[in-house]
C-alpha cells in the first residue's frame, strides 16, 4: 500500500510525540493502520509525504542510491541572481559535504493554500519562488542549500517524489496511489 499525504505545516512526520506539550502528529489524520513515512518532511515544511507498509518500496523511494527526484517549491528571501541559481545547479558545499547538482529555476508565485501561521512579510525585503529538484534527502537539505547561496527559505512545499505528485490534495488530506 502507498499513500500520498499533504502534510500540513507544524505536523511531525511520526505517529507519536513525547514532548510536552505534545505537537500534532500523523496520528490525527485518519491514515490507514500499518503505514509509516517513506522519508521525512520537517515540522516546518509542507507538502507531499509518502507513507507505505512495504519496507522495500520505502527503501526504493528514500535511498539516495535510487536517485528519486524530489521536487520542492521554495519561497526565499531575496531576489535570486543567475549566479545563485547556477550555484544550486552545480551543487552546494554544505558542512556535511557537497550536494549533488540540483535543477533550479525561478517560478511565478504559485497559488497555494494559506499557511497557518502565515509567512512573515517585510515590505523592504523582496521574496521569490524557486522550483528545486534534488536527488538526495539530507536533513534540512533544501533550507541549507538556499541559505548557503544567500537566499534564506521562508516557505518550503514538497510537490513531488519521483512520479508521485501532490496534485490537488489539500493540507491534511490523503489518497492511496499505485507504487512506482
N, C-alpha and C. Protein backbone atom coordinates (compact mmCIF):
# COMPACT_ATOMS: atom_id res chain seq x y z
N UNK A 1 0.85 -1.17 0.00
CA UNK A 1 0.00 0.00 0.00
C UNK A 1 0.90 1.24 0.00
N UNK A 2 0.53 2.24 -0.80
CA UNK A 2 1.25 3.50 -0.85
C UNK A 2 0.24 4.62 -0.72
N UNK A 3 0.50 5.55 0.20
CA UNK A 3 -0.39 6.66 0.50
C UNK A 3 0.33 7.97 0.18
N UNK A 4 -0.34 8.88 -0.52
CA UNK A 4 0.14 10.25 -0.71
C UNK A 4 -0.62 11.12 0.29
N UNK A 5 0.12 11.89 1.09
CA UNK A 5 -0.47 12.71 2.14
C UNK A 5 0.08 14.13 2.01
N UNK A 6 -0.79 15.12 2.13
CA UNK A 6 -0.33 16.52 2.13
C UNK A 6 -0.11 16.92 3.59
N UNK A 7 1.14 16.86 4.01
CA UNK A 7 1.48 17.17 5.40
C UNK A 7 1.37 18.67 5.64
N UNK A 8 0.53 19.06 6.58
CA UNK A 8 0.43 20.48 6.89
C UNK A 8 1.67 20.99 7.62
N UNK A 9 1.85 22.30 7.58
CA UNK A 9 2.88 22.97 8.37
C UNK A 9 2.63 22.66 9.85
N UNK A 10 3.69 22.42 10.61
CA UNK A 10 3.55 22.23 12.04
C UNK A 10 3.06 20.85 12.46
N UNK A 11 3.29 19.85 11.62
CA UNK A 11 2.92 18.47 11.96
C UNK A 11 4.19 17.62 11.90
N UNK A 12 4.40 16.79 12.90
CA UNK A 12 5.55 15.88 12.92
C UNK A 12 5.33 14.72 11.97
N UNK A 13 6.40 14.23 11.35
CA UNK A 13 6.33 13.07 10.45
C UNK A 13 6.48 11.77 11.24
N UNK A 14 5.70 11.65 12.29
CA UNK A 14 5.66 10.43 13.08
C UNK A 14 4.28 10.35 13.71
N UNK A 15 3.98 9.21 14.30
CA UNK A 15 2.64 8.99 14.84
C UNK A 15 2.52 9.30 16.32
N UNK A 16 3.64 9.49 17.01
CA UNK A 16 3.61 9.84 18.43
C UNK A 16 4.59 10.95 18.70
N UNK A 17 4.36 11.69 19.79
CA UNK A 17 5.27 12.75 20.22
C UNK A 17 5.33 12.73 21.73
N UNK A 18 6.53 12.62 22.26
CA UNK A 18 6.70 12.55 23.71
C UNK A 18 7.01 13.91 24.33
N UNK A 19 7.04 14.96 23.52
CA UNK A 19 7.36 16.28 24.08
C UNK A 19 6.17 16.82 24.87
N UNK A 20 6.45 17.81 25.70
CA UNK A 20 5.39 18.44 26.49
C UNK A 20 5.39 19.93 26.17
N UNK A 21 4.30 20.49 25.71
CA UNK A 21 3.08 19.78 25.32
C UNK A 21 3.30 19.03 24.01
N UNK A 22 2.52 17.98 23.77
CA UNK A 22 2.69 17.23 22.52
C UNK A 22 2.34 18.08 21.30
N UNK A 23 3.08 17.82 20.24
CA UNK A 23 2.84 18.52 18.97
C UNK A 23 1.96 17.65 18.07
N UNK A 24 1.31 18.27 17.08
CA UNK A 24 0.48 17.47 16.16
C UNK A 24 1.34 16.43 15.42
N UNK A 25 0.76 15.24 15.24
CA UNK A 25 1.46 14.15 14.55
C UNK A 25 0.57 13.58 13.45
N UNK A 26 1.09 12.59 12.74
CA UNK A 26 0.34 11.92 11.67
C UNK A 26 -0.88 11.17 12.21
N UNK A 27 -0.88 10.88 13.51
CA UNK A 27 -1.98 10.11 14.10
C UNK A 27 -3.32 10.84 13.99
N UNK A 28 -3.31 12.13 13.81
CA UNK A 28 -4.55 12.89 13.79
C UNK A 28 -5.23 13.00 12.43
N UNK A 29 -4.80 12.20 11.44
CA UNK A 29 -5.33 12.38 10.09
C UNK A 29 -6.02 11.16 9.50
N UNK A 30 -6.33 10.16 10.32
CA UNK A 30 -7.09 9.00 9.85
C UNK A 30 -6.38 8.16 8.81
N UNK A 31 -5.06 8.12 8.86
CA UNK A 31 -4.29 7.32 7.90
C UNK A 31 -4.51 5.83 8.19
N UNK A 32 -4.39 4.98 7.17
CA UNK A 32 -4.58 3.54 7.38
C UNK A 32 -3.58 2.98 8.39
N UNK A 33 -3.99 1.98 9.13
CA UNK A 33 -3.11 1.33 10.10
C UNK A 33 -1.97 0.63 9.36
N UNK A 34 -0.80 0.62 9.98
CA UNK A 34 0.33 -0.14 9.46
C UNK A 34 1.21 0.59 8.47
N UNK A 35 0.88 1.82 8.12
CA UNK A 35 1.76 2.57 7.21
C UNK A 35 2.71 3.44 8.02
N UNK A 36 3.85 3.73 7.41
CA UNK A 36 4.83 4.61 8.06
C UNK A 36 5.46 5.47 6.97
N UNK A 37 6.03 6.62 7.35
CA UNK A 37 6.56 7.54 6.34
C UNK A 37 7.75 6.93 5.59
N UNK A 38 7.74 7.09 4.29
CA UNK A 38 8.89 6.76 3.44
C UNK A 38 9.63 8.07 3.24
N UNK A 39 10.51 8.39 4.17
CA UNK A 39 11.19 9.68 4.18
C UNK A 39 10.53 10.60 5.17
N UNK A 40 11.02 11.83 5.21
CA UNK A 40 10.52 12.77 6.20
C UNK A 40 10.34 14.14 5.57
N UNK A 41 9.55 14.95 6.25
CA UNK A 41 9.45 16.38 5.97
C UNK A 41 9.57 17.05 7.33
N UNK A 42 10.33 18.12 7.40
CA UNK A 42 10.50 18.84 8.66
C UNK A 42 9.17 19.33 9.19
N UNK A 43 9.13 19.57 10.48
CA UNK A 43 7.97 20.11 11.18
C UNK A 43 7.47 21.38 10.49
N UNK A 44 8.40 22.21 10.03
CA UNK A 44 8.04 23.49 9.42
C UNK A 44 8.02 23.45 7.89
N UNK A 45 7.98 22.25 7.31
CA UNK A 45 7.82 22.10 5.86
C UNK A 45 6.44 21.49 5.59
N UNK A 46 6.00 21.65 4.37
CA UNK A 46 4.65 21.21 3.98
C UNK A 46 4.73 20.35 2.74
N UNK A 47 3.62 19.70 2.42
CA UNK A 47 3.50 19.06 1.13
C UNK A 47 3.55 17.55 1.17
N UNK A 48 3.95 16.97 0.04
CA UNK A 48 3.83 15.54 -0.20
C UNK A 48 4.70 14.71 0.73
N UNK A 49 4.04 13.83 1.46
CA UNK A 49 4.70 12.81 2.26
C UNK A 49 4.12 11.49 1.81
N UNK A 50 5.00 10.56 1.44
CA UNK A 50 4.55 9.22 1.06
C UNK A 50 4.65 8.31 2.27
N UNK A 51 3.62 7.48 2.46
CA UNK A 51 3.60 6.50 3.55
C UNK A 51 3.32 5.14 2.95
N UNK A 52 3.92 4.10 3.52
CA UNK A 52 3.75 2.76 2.99
C UNK A 52 3.85 1.72 4.09
N UNK A 53 3.36 0.52 3.78
CA UNK A 53 3.54 -0.63 4.67
C UNK A 53 4.55 -1.61 4.07
N UNK A 54 5.25 -1.19 3.01
CA UNK A 54 6.18 -2.04 2.27
C UNK A 54 7.60 -1.51 2.45
N UNK A 55 8.41 -2.24 3.23
CA UNK A 55 9.77 -1.80 3.52
C UNK A 55 10.65 -1.65 2.29
N UNK A 56 10.52 -2.58 1.32
CA UNK A 56 11.33 -2.47 0.11
C UNK A 56 10.95 -1.25 -0.71
N UNK A 57 9.66 -0.96 -0.79
CA UNK A 57 9.21 0.24 -1.51
C UNK A 57 9.72 1.49 -0.80
N UNK A 58 9.64 1.53 0.52
CA UNK A 58 10.14 2.68 1.27
C UNK A 58 11.62 2.90 0.99
N UNK A 59 12.40 1.82 0.96
CA UNK A 59 13.83 1.92 0.67
C UNK A 59 14.06 2.48 -0.73
N UNK A 60 13.31 1.96 -1.71
CA UNK A 60 13.47 2.43 -3.09
C UNK A 60 13.12 3.92 -3.22
N UNK A 61 12.15 4.38 -2.46
CA UNK A 61 11.74 5.78 -2.53
C UNK A 61 12.71 6.72 -1.82
N UNK A 62 13.41 6.22 -0.81
CA UNK A 62 14.21 7.12 0.02
C UNK A 62 15.72 6.98 -0.11
N UNK A 63 16.22 5.83 -0.51
CA UNK A 63 17.66 5.63 -0.57
C UNK A 63 18.27 6.49 -1.68
N UNK A 64 19.27 7.33 -1.34
CA UNK A 64 19.88 8.21 -2.35
C UNK A 64 20.46 7.45 -3.54
N UNK A 65 20.79 6.16 -3.36
CA UNK A 65 21.33 5.37 -4.47
C UNK A 65 20.33 5.26 -5.61
N UNK A 66 19.04 5.34 -5.30
CA UNK A 66 17.99 5.24 -6.33
C UNK A 66 17.69 6.57 -7.00
N UNK A 67 18.25 7.65 -6.46
CA UNK A 67 18.17 8.99 -7.06
C UNK A 67 16.76 9.40 -7.44
N UNK A 68 15.79 9.13 -6.57
CA UNK A 68 14.41 9.57 -6.81
C UNK A 68 14.38 11.10 -6.75
N UNK A 69 13.95 11.77 -7.81
CA UNK A 69 13.89 13.23 -7.74
C UNK A 69 12.78 13.68 -6.79
N UNK A 70 13.11 14.68 -6.00
CA UNK A 70 12.14 15.30 -5.07
C UNK A 70 12.01 16.75 -5.49
N UNK A 71 10.79 17.15 -5.81
CA UNK A 71 10.53 18.50 -6.31
C UNK A 71 9.94 19.37 -5.22
N UNK A 72 10.57 20.52 -5.00
CA UNK A 72 10.14 21.45 -3.97
C UNK A 72 9.85 22.81 -4.58
N UNK A 73 8.84 23.47 -4.06
CA UNK A 73 8.61 24.88 -4.34
C UNK A 73 9.06 25.62 -3.09
N UNK A 74 9.98 26.55 -3.29
CA UNK A 74 10.66 27.20 -2.17
C UNK A 74 10.49 28.71 -2.27
N UNK A 75 9.86 29.30 -1.27
CA UNK A 75 9.80 30.75 -1.19
C UNK A 75 11.05 31.21 -0.44
N UNK A 76 11.84 32.06 -1.09
CA UNK A 76 13.09 32.52 -0.50
C UNK A 76 13.06 34.03 -0.28
N UNK A 77 13.87 34.44 0.66
CA UNK A 77 14.04 35.86 0.93
C UNK A 77 15.12 36.37 -0.01
N UNK A 78 14.80 37.42 -0.75
CA UNK A 78 15.74 37.99 -1.70
C UNK A 78 15.30 37.71 -3.13
N UNK A 79 16.05 38.27 -4.04
CA UNK A 79 15.81 38.08 -5.47
C UNK A 79 16.96 37.25 -6.03
N UNK A 80 16.70 36.01 -6.41
CA UNK A 80 17.78 35.15 -6.90
C UNK A 80 18.44 35.70 -8.16
N UNK A 81 19.76 35.63 -8.17
CA UNK A 81 20.52 36.03 -9.35
C UNK A 81 20.82 34.78 -10.18
N UNK A 82 21.24 34.99 -11.42
CA UNK A 82 21.65 33.86 -12.26
C UNK A 82 22.79 33.09 -11.59
N UNK A 83 23.71 33.82 -10.94
CA UNK A 83 24.85 33.16 -10.28
C UNK A 83 24.37 32.28 -9.12
N UNK A 84 23.40 32.73 -8.35
CA UNK A 84 22.88 31.91 -7.25
C UNK A 84 22.18 30.67 -7.77
N UNK A 85 21.39 30.82 -8.84
CA UNK A 85 20.72 29.66 -9.43
C UNK A 85 21.76 28.67 -9.97
N UNK A 86 22.83 29.19 -10.59
CA UNK A 86 23.88 28.33 -11.12
C UNK A 86 24.59 27.58 -9.99
N UNK A 87 24.78 28.23 -8.83
CA UNK A 87 25.38 27.55 -7.68
C UNK A 87 24.53 26.36 -7.27
N UNK A 88 23.21 26.55 -7.20
CA UNK A 88 22.32 25.45 -6.83
C UNK A 88 22.38 24.34 -7.87
N UNK A 89 22.46 24.71 -9.14
CA UNK A 89 22.50 23.71 -10.22
C UNK A 89 23.81 22.90 -10.19
N UNK A 90 24.89 23.54 -9.75
CA UNK A 90 26.20 22.88 -9.75
C UNK A 90 26.41 22.00 -8.51
N UNK A 91 25.60 22.25 -7.47
CA UNK A 91 25.82 21.59 -6.19
C UNK A 91 26.43 22.59 -5.23
N UNK A 92 26.05 22.48 -3.98
CA UNK A 92 26.45 23.45 -2.97
C UNK A 92 27.27 22.73 -1.91
N UNK A 93 28.33 23.36 -1.44
CA UNK A 93 29.13 22.78 -0.36
C UNK A 93 28.46 23.10 0.97
N UNK A 94 28.01 22.04 1.67
CA UNK A 94 27.41 22.17 2.99
C UNK A 94 28.39 21.63 4.02
N UNK A 95 28.10 21.82 5.30
CA UNK A 95 29.03 21.35 6.34
C UNK A 95 29.19 19.83 6.35
N UNK A 96 28.25 19.08 5.76
CA UNK A 96 28.37 17.63 5.67
C UNK A 96 28.77 17.17 4.27
N UNK A 97 29.36 18.08 3.49
CA UNK A 97 29.87 17.74 2.17
C UNK A 97 29.07 18.37 1.05
N UNK A 98 29.56 18.21 -0.18
CA UNK A 98 28.86 18.82 -1.32
C UNK A 98 27.57 18.09 -1.65
N UNK A 99 26.58 18.83 -2.12
CA UNK A 99 25.33 18.23 -2.58
C UNK A 99 25.49 17.81 -4.03
N UNK A 100 24.63 16.93 -4.45
CA UNK A 100 24.56 16.62 -5.88
C UNK A 100 24.01 17.85 -6.60
N UNK A 101 24.30 17.98 -7.89
CA UNK A 101 23.69 19.07 -8.64
C UNK A 101 22.16 18.98 -8.57
N UNK A 102 21.52 20.13 -8.55
CA UNK A 102 20.06 20.21 -8.48
C UNK A 102 19.54 20.91 -9.72
N UNK A 103 18.28 20.70 -10.00
CA UNK A 103 17.61 21.53 -11.02
C UNK A 103 17.01 22.70 -10.26
N UNK A 104 17.24 23.90 -10.74
CA UNK A 104 16.74 25.09 -10.06
C UNK A 104 16.27 26.09 -11.10
N UNK A 105 15.06 26.63 -10.86
CA UNK A 105 14.54 27.66 -11.75
C UNK A 105 13.61 28.57 -10.96
N UNK A 106 13.49 29.80 -11.44
CA UNK A 106 12.53 30.74 -10.86
C UNK A 106 11.12 30.31 -11.21
N UNK A 107 10.19 30.53 -10.29
CA UNK A 107 8.77 30.26 -10.51
C UNK A 107 7.99 31.55 -10.33
N UNK A 108 6.91 31.69 -11.06
CA UNK A 108 5.95 32.72 -10.70
C UNK A 108 5.34 32.30 -9.36
N UNK A 109 4.92 33.27 -8.57
CA UNK A 109 4.33 32.93 -7.27
C UNK A 109 3.17 31.96 -7.47
N UNK A 110 3.26 30.75 -6.90
CA UNK A 110 2.20 29.77 -7.11
C UNK A 110 0.96 30.08 -6.27
N UNK A 111 -0.15 29.51 -6.69
CA UNK A 111 -1.37 29.60 -5.90
C UNK A 111 -1.41 28.39 -4.99
N UNK A 112 -1.15 28.61 -3.71
CA UNK A 112 -1.15 27.54 -2.72
C UNK A 112 -2.16 27.87 -1.63
N UNK A 113 -2.46 26.89 -0.80
CA UNK A 113 -3.31 27.09 0.36
C UNK A 113 -2.61 28.07 1.30
N UNK A 114 -3.37 28.80 2.10
CA UNK A 114 -2.75 29.70 3.08
C UNK A 114 -2.02 28.89 4.15
N UNK A 115 -0.91 29.41 4.59
CA UNK A 115 -0.18 28.74 5.67
C UNK A 115 -0.58 29.36 7.01
N UNK A 116 -0.70 28.52 8.04
CA UNK A 116 -1.03 29.00 9.37
C UNK A 116 0.07 28.55 10.32
N UNK A 117 0.88 29.48 10.86
CA UNK A 117 0.81 30.93 10.69
C UNK A 117 1.36 31.35 9.34
N UNK A 118 0.94 32.53 8.87
CA UNK A 118 1.42 33.00 7.57
C UNK A 118 2.93 33.27 7.60
N UNK A 119 3.54 33.23 6.42
CA UNK A 119 4.94 33.59 6.27
C UNK A 119 5.06 35.08 6.58
N UNK A 120 6.12 35.43 7.30
CA UNK A 120 6.30 36.86 7.63
C UNK A 120 6.50 37.67 6.34
N UNK A 121 5.93 38.85 6.32
CA UNK A 121 6.05 39.72 5.16
C UNK A 121 6.79 40.97 5.58
N UNK A 122 7.82 41.34 4.82
CA UNK A 122 8.57 42.56 5.10
C UNK A 122 8.59 43.40 3.83
N UNK A 123 8.06 44.61 3.94
CA UNK A 123 7.96 45.48 2.76
C UNK A 123 9.32 45.79 2.15
N UNK A 124 10.36 45.84 2.97
CA UNK A 124 11.68 46.24 2.48
C UNK A 124 12.52 45.09 1.94
N UNK A 125 12.04 43.85 2.10
CA UNK A 125 12.82 42.69 1.64
C UNK A 125 11.99 41.91 0.62
N UNK A 126 12.48 41.86 -0.63
CA UNK A 126 11.72 41.10 -1.63
C UNK A 126 11.81 39.60 -1.37
N UNK A 127 10.87 38.87 -1.94
CA UNK A 127 10.95 37.42 -1.89
C UNK A 127 10.66 36.88 -3.28
N UNK A 128 10.99 35.62 -3.48
CA UNK A 128 10.78 34.97 -4.78
C UNK A 128 10.52 33.49 -4.54
N UNK A 129 10.01 32.83 -5.57
CA UNK A 129 9.76 31.39 -5.52
C UNK A 129 10.70 30.68 -6.48
N UNK A 130 11.22 29.55 -6.03
CA UNK A 130 12.06 28.68 -6.85
C UNK A 130 11.43 27.30 -6.92
N UNK A 131 11.70 26.61 -8.01
CA UNK A 131 11.46 25.17 -8.04
C UNK A 131 12.83 24.53 -7.95
N UNK A 132 13.01 23.67 -6.98
CA UNK A 132 14.28 23.00 -6.75
C UNK A 132 14.03 21.50 -6.76
N UNK A 133 14.77 20.78 -7.59
CA UNK A 133 14.64 19.33 -7.69
C UNK A 133 15.97 18.72 -7.27
N UNK A 134 15.92 17.90 -6.20
CA UNK A 134 17.12 17.25 -5.69
C UNK A 134 16.95 15.74 -5.74
N UNK A 135 18.06 15.02 -5.66
CA UNK A 135 18.00 13.56 -5.68
C UNK A 135 18.60 12.97 -4.41
N UNK A 136 18.75 13.80 -3.39
CA UNK A 136 19.21 13.35 -2.09
C UNK A 136 18.09 13.64 -1.10
N UNK A 137 18.34 13.45 0.16
CA UNK A 137 17.35 13.77 1.17
C UNK A 137 18.01 14.01 2.51
N UNK A 138 19.05 14.82 2.52
CA UNK A 138 19.74 15.11 3.77
C UNK A 138 18.86 15.95 4.69
N UNK A 139 19.20 15.95 5.96
CA UNK A 139 18.46 16.72 6.95
C UNK A 139 18.44 18.20 6.57
N UNK A 140 17.25 18.74 6.40
CA UNK A 140 17.03 20.16 6.08
C UNK A 140 17.86 20.63 4.88
N UNK A 141 18.03 19.73 3.91
CA UNK A 141 18.94 19.99 2.79
C UNK A 141 18.54 21.21 1.97
N UNK A 142 17.27 21.32 1.57
CA UNK A 142 16.87 22.44 0.72
C UNK A 142 17.08 23.76 1.46
N UNK A 143 16.70 23.82 2.72
CA UNK A 143 16.89 25.04 3.50
C UNK A 143 18.37 25.40 3.60
N UNK A 144 19.21 24.40 3.82
CA UNK A 144 20.65 24.66 3.93
C UNK A 144 21.25 25.07 2.60
N UNK A 145 20.75 24.49 1.50
CA UNK A 145 21.26 24.87 0.18
C UNK A 145 20.92 26.32 -0.16
N UNK A 146 19.66 26.70 0.05
CA UNK A 146 19.29 28.07 -0.30
C UNK A 146 20.01 29.07 0.60
N UNK A 147 20.16 28.73 1.89
CA UNK A 147 20.88 29.63 2.80
C UNK A 147 22.35 29.76 2.37
N UNK A 148 22.95 28.67 1.91
CA UNK A 148 24.37 28.69 1.51
C UNK A 148 24.62 29.62 0.32
N UNK A 149 23.60 29.84 -0.50
CA UNK A 149 23.77 30.75 -1.64
C UNK A 149 23.19 32.13 -1.34
N UNK A 150 22.81 32.38 -0.08
CA UNK A 150 22.35 33.70 0.32
C UNK A 150 20.86 33.95 0.14
N UNK A 151 20.07 32.88 0.08
CA UNK A 151 18.62 33.00 -0.11
C UNK A 151 17.90 32.20 0.98
N UNK A 152 17.72 32.76 2.17
CA UNK A 152 17.06 32.01 3.23
C UNK A 152 15.64 31.58 2.84
N UNK A 153 15.28 30.37 3.21
CA UNK A 153 13.96 29.82 2.91
C UNK A 153 12.91 30.39 3.86
N UNK A 154 11.80 30.85 3.29
CA UNK A 154 10.66 31.33 4.07
C UNK A 154 9.56 30.27 4.14
N UNK A 155 9.34 29.56 3.04
CA UNK A 155 8.31 28.53 2.99
C UNK A 155 8.82 27.43 2.07
N UNK A 156 8.56 26.18 2.46
CA UNK A 156 9.04 25.03 1.71
C UNK A 156 7.92 24.02 1.54
N UNK A 157 7.57 23.72 0.28
CA UNK A 157 6.48 22.80 -0.03
C UNK A 157 7.00 21.74 -0.98
N UNK A 158 6.95 20.45 -0.56
CA UNK A 158 7.35 19.37 -1.47
C UNK A 158 6.16 19.05 -2.36
N UNK A 159 6.39 19.12 -3.67
CA UNK A 159 5.33 18.92 -4.65
C UNK A 159 5.32 17.52 -5.25
N UNK A 160 6.49 16.84 -5.26
CA UNK A 160 6.54 15.52 -5.88
C UNK A 160 7.73 14.73 -5.35
N UNK A 161 7.57 13.41 -5.37
CA UNK A 161 8.65 12.45 -5.12
C UNK A 161 8.58 11.45 -6.25
N UNK A 162 9.62 11.42 -7.08
CA UNK A 162 9.59 10.55 -8.25
C UNK A 162 8.38 10.87 -9.11
N UNK A 163 7.59 9.85 -9.42
CA UNK A 163 6.41 10.05 -10.27
C UNK A 163 5.16 10.41 -9.49
N UNK A 164 5.28 10.48 -8.17
CA UNK A 164 4.12 10.78 -7.31
C UNK A 164 4.06 12.27 -7.03
N UNK A 165 2.94 12.89 -7.38
CA UNK A 165 2.78 14.33 -7.21
C UNK A 165 1.69 14.64 -6.19
N UNK A 166 1.80 15.81 -5.60
CA UNK A 166 0.82 16.27 -4.63
C UNK A 166 -0.54 16.49 -5.28
N UNK A 167 -0.52 16.99 -6.50
CA UNK A 167 -1.74 17.28 -7.25
C UNK A 167 -2.67 18.17 -6.43
N UNK A 168 -3.94 17.83 -6.32
CA UNK A 168 -4.93 18.71 -5.69
C UNK A 168 -5.22 18.36 -4.23
N UNK A 169 -4.35 17.58 -3.59
CA UNK A 169 -4.60 17.23 -2.19
C UNK A 169 -4.49 18.48 -1.32
N UNK A 170 -5.49 18.73 -0.51
CA UNK A 170 -5.45 19.85 0.43
C UNK A 170 -4.65 19.43 1.66
N UNK A 171 -4.14 20.37 2.43
CA UNK A 171 -3.40 20.01 3.64
C UNK A 171 -4.24 19.10 4.54
N UNK A 172 -3.61 18.00 5.00
CA UNK A 172 -4.29 17.05 5.87
C UNK A 172 -5.03 15.96 5.13
N UNK A 173 -5.16 16.06 3.80
CA UNK A 173 -5.84 15.03 3.03
C UNK A 173 -4.84 13.99 2.54
N UNK A 174 -5.35 12.78 2.27
CA UNK A 174 -4.51 11.72 1.73
C UNK A 174 -5.30 10.89 0.73
N UNK A 175 -4.57 10.13 -0.10
CA UNK A 175 -5.18 9.22 -1.06
C UNK A 175 -4.23 8.04 -1.28
N UNK A 176 -4.81 6.90 -1.60
CA UNK A 176 -3.99 5.73 -1.97
C UNK A 176 -3.53 5.92 -3.41
N UNK A 177 -2.27 5.53 -3.66
CA UNK A 177 -1.71 5.65 -5.01
C UNK A 177 -1.02 4.32 -5.34
N UNK A 178 -0.78 4.10 -6.61
CA UNK A 178 -0.08 2.89 -7.02
C UNK A 178 1.42 3.07 -6.81
N UNK A 179 2.13 2.00 -6.51
CA UNK A 179 3.60 2.10 -6.34
C UNK A 179 4.28 2.40 -7.66
N UNK A 180 5.50 2.97 -7.55
CA UNK A 180 6.26 3.26 -8.79
C UNK A 180 7.48 2.39 -8.84
